[in-house]
Structure formats: structure tokens, C-alpha cells
C-alpha atoms as a PDB file:
ATOM      1  CA  MET A   1    -164.807  30.032 -39.357  1.00  0.00           C
ATOM      2  CA  LYS A   2    -163.241  28.255 -36.430  1.00  0.00           C
ATOM      3  CA  CYS A   3    -165.073  27.534 -33.186  1.00  0.00           C
ATOM      4  CA  ASN A   4    -163.490  29.285 -30.226  1.00  0.00           C
ATOM      5  CA  LEU A   5    -164.282  26.335 -27.965  1.00  0.00           C
ATOM      6  CA  CYS A   6    -163.768  23.070 -29.839  1.00  0.00           C
ATOM      7  CA  GLY A   7    -161.674  24.271 -32.808  1.00  0.00           C
ATOM      8  CA  TYR A   8    -164.084  22.847 -35.406  1.00  0.00           C
ATOM      9  CA  GLU A   9    -163.725  24.658 -38.750  1.00  0.00           C
ATOM     10  CA  PHE A  10    -166.890  25.388 -40.714  1.00  0.00           C
ATOM     11  CA  ASP A  11    -168.396  27.798 -43.203  1.00  0.00           C
ATOM     12  CA  GLU A  12    -170.424  30.638 -41.670  1.00  0.00           C
ATOM     13  CA  LYS A  13    -173.444  29.386 -43.651  1.00  0.00           C
ATOM     14  CA  GLU A  14    -173.260  26.093 -41.721  1.00  0.00           C
ATOM     15  CA  SER A  15    -173.730  27.791 -38.356  1.00  0.00           C
ATOM     16  CA  ILE A  16    -176.948  26.948 -36.563  1.00  0.00           C
ATOM     17  CA  PRO A  17    -179.460  29.844 -36.393  1.00  0.00           C
ATOM     18  CA  VAL A  18    -179.526  31.060 -32.798  1.00  0.00           C
ATOM     19  CA  CYS A  19    -182.193  33.745 -32.489  1.00  0.00           C
ATOM     20  CA  GLN A  20    -185.157  32.059 -34.129  1.00  0.00           C
ATOM     21  CA  SER A  21    -186.652  30.920 -30.838  1.00  0.00           C
ATOM     22  CA  CYS A  22    -185.398  33.803 -28.679  1.00  0.00           C
ATOM     23  CA  PRO A  23    -188.247  36.027 -27.420  1.00  0.00           C
ATOM     24  CA  LEU A  24    -185.934  38.934 -26.513  1.00  0.00           C
ATOM     25  CA  VAL A  25    -183.856  39.866 -29.548  1.00  0.00           C
ATOM     26  CA  LYS A  26    -184.228  38.814 -33.159  1.00  0.00           C
ATOM     27  CA  ASN A  27    -181.185  38.749 -35.443  1.00  0.00           C
ATOM     28  CA  CYS A  28    -178.623  39.296 -32.688  1.00  0.00           C
ATOM     29  CA  LYS A  29    -175.927  37.855 -34.992  1.00  0.00           C
ATOM     30  CA  LEU A  30    -174.656  35.182 -32.639  1.00  0.00           C
ATOM     31  CA  ILE A  31    -172.897  32.273 -34.300  1.00  0.00           C
ATOM     32  CA  ARG A  32    -173.444  28.729 -33.033  1.00  0.00           C
ATOM     33  CA  CYS A  33    -170.962  25.964 -33.770  1.00  0.00           C
ATOM     34  CA  PRO A  34    -172.649  23.042 -35.558  1.00  0.00           C
ATOM     35  CA  ASN A  35    -170.285  20.645 -33.779  1.00  0.00           C
ATOM     36  CA  CYS A  36    -170.510  21.600 -30.089  1.00  0.00           C
ATOM     37  CA  GLY A  37    -173.247  24.270 -29.901  1.00  0.00           C
ATOM     38  CA  TYR A  38    -170.996  26.995 -28.458  1.00  0.00           C
ATOM     39  CA  GLU A  39    -172.269  30.519 -29.246  1.00  0.00           C
ATOM     40  CA  TRP A  40    -170.286  33.720 -29.754  1.00  0.00           C
ATOM     41  CA  PRO A  41    -170.952  37.117 -31.366  1.00  0.00           C
ATOM     42  CA  ALA A  42    -170.193  37.537 -35.054  1.00  0.00           C
ATOM     43  CA  GLU A  43    -167.134  39.583 -35.921  1.00  0.00           C
ATOM     44  CA  PRO A  44    -168.117  43.108 -37.022  1.00  0.00           C
ATOM     45  CA  ASP A  45    -167.595  43.920 -40.717  1.00  0.00           C
ATOM     46  CA  TRP A  46    -165.197  46.776 -39.921  1.00  0.00           C
ATOM     47  CA  LEU A  47    -162.939  44.407 -37.983  1.00  0.00           C
ATOM     48  CA  LYS A  48    -162.998  41.847 -40.807  1.00  0.00           C
ATOM     49  CA  LYS A  49    -161.843  44.542 -43.250  1.00  0.00           C
ATOM     50  CA  ILE A  50    -158.972  45.592 -41.004  1.00  0.00           C
ATOM     51  CA  LYS A  51    -157.814  41.977 -40.664  1.00  0.00           C
ATOM     52  CA  GLU A  52    -158.051  41.438 -44.440  1.00  0.00           C
ATOM     53  CA  ARG A  53    -155.913  44.522 -45.107  1.00  0.00           C
ATOM     54  CA  ARG A  54    -153.374  43.438 -42.513  1.00  0.00           C
ATOM     55  CA  ASN A  55    -153.194  39.949 -44.038  1.00  0.00           C
ATOM     56  CA  ARG A  56    -152.696  41.383 -47.552  1.00  0.00           C
ATOM     57  CA  LYS A  57    -149.832  43.563 -46.328  1.00  0.00           C
ATOM     58  CA  ASN A  58    -148.164  40.598 -44.620  1.00  0.00           C
ATOM     59  CA  VAL A  59    -148.454  38.450 -47.756  1.00  0.00           C
ATOM     60  CA  LYS A  60    -146.840  41.128 -49.954  1.00  0.00           C
ATOM     61  CA  ARG A  61    -143.768  41.331 -47.716  1.00  0.00           C
END
């Protein structure tokens, strides 16, 4: 993953858990950068699959 704010690249497993202390919503799937603390929503699985297919097609060409 790459942070949208600071550009730090990290593995999704390294992201800091966000919702553990939140009283409103548990497991909201926000990702927090371990470098700067910026939070953003996780990319939906369906969008990841579309991007993977698009990347495979571009590599074959």
C-alpha cells in the first residue's frame, strides 16, 4: 500500500488498527498509515479485482 498523504509504502498488515477505540463503529475498515497517521477507507475487493484484471491485460500487451 501507499499512503495517499505522505507517500510511505507499507504492507496492509502494518497499518495501525483504527476502530479499536471508536465507540461508534467497529471494523469500519479504515487504514491508518504507520508513518504519518493519515486515515482513509480500504479499497473494496471488487475494485481491487478490476484493477488486477486491467493490470494483467496491460502486461500481456
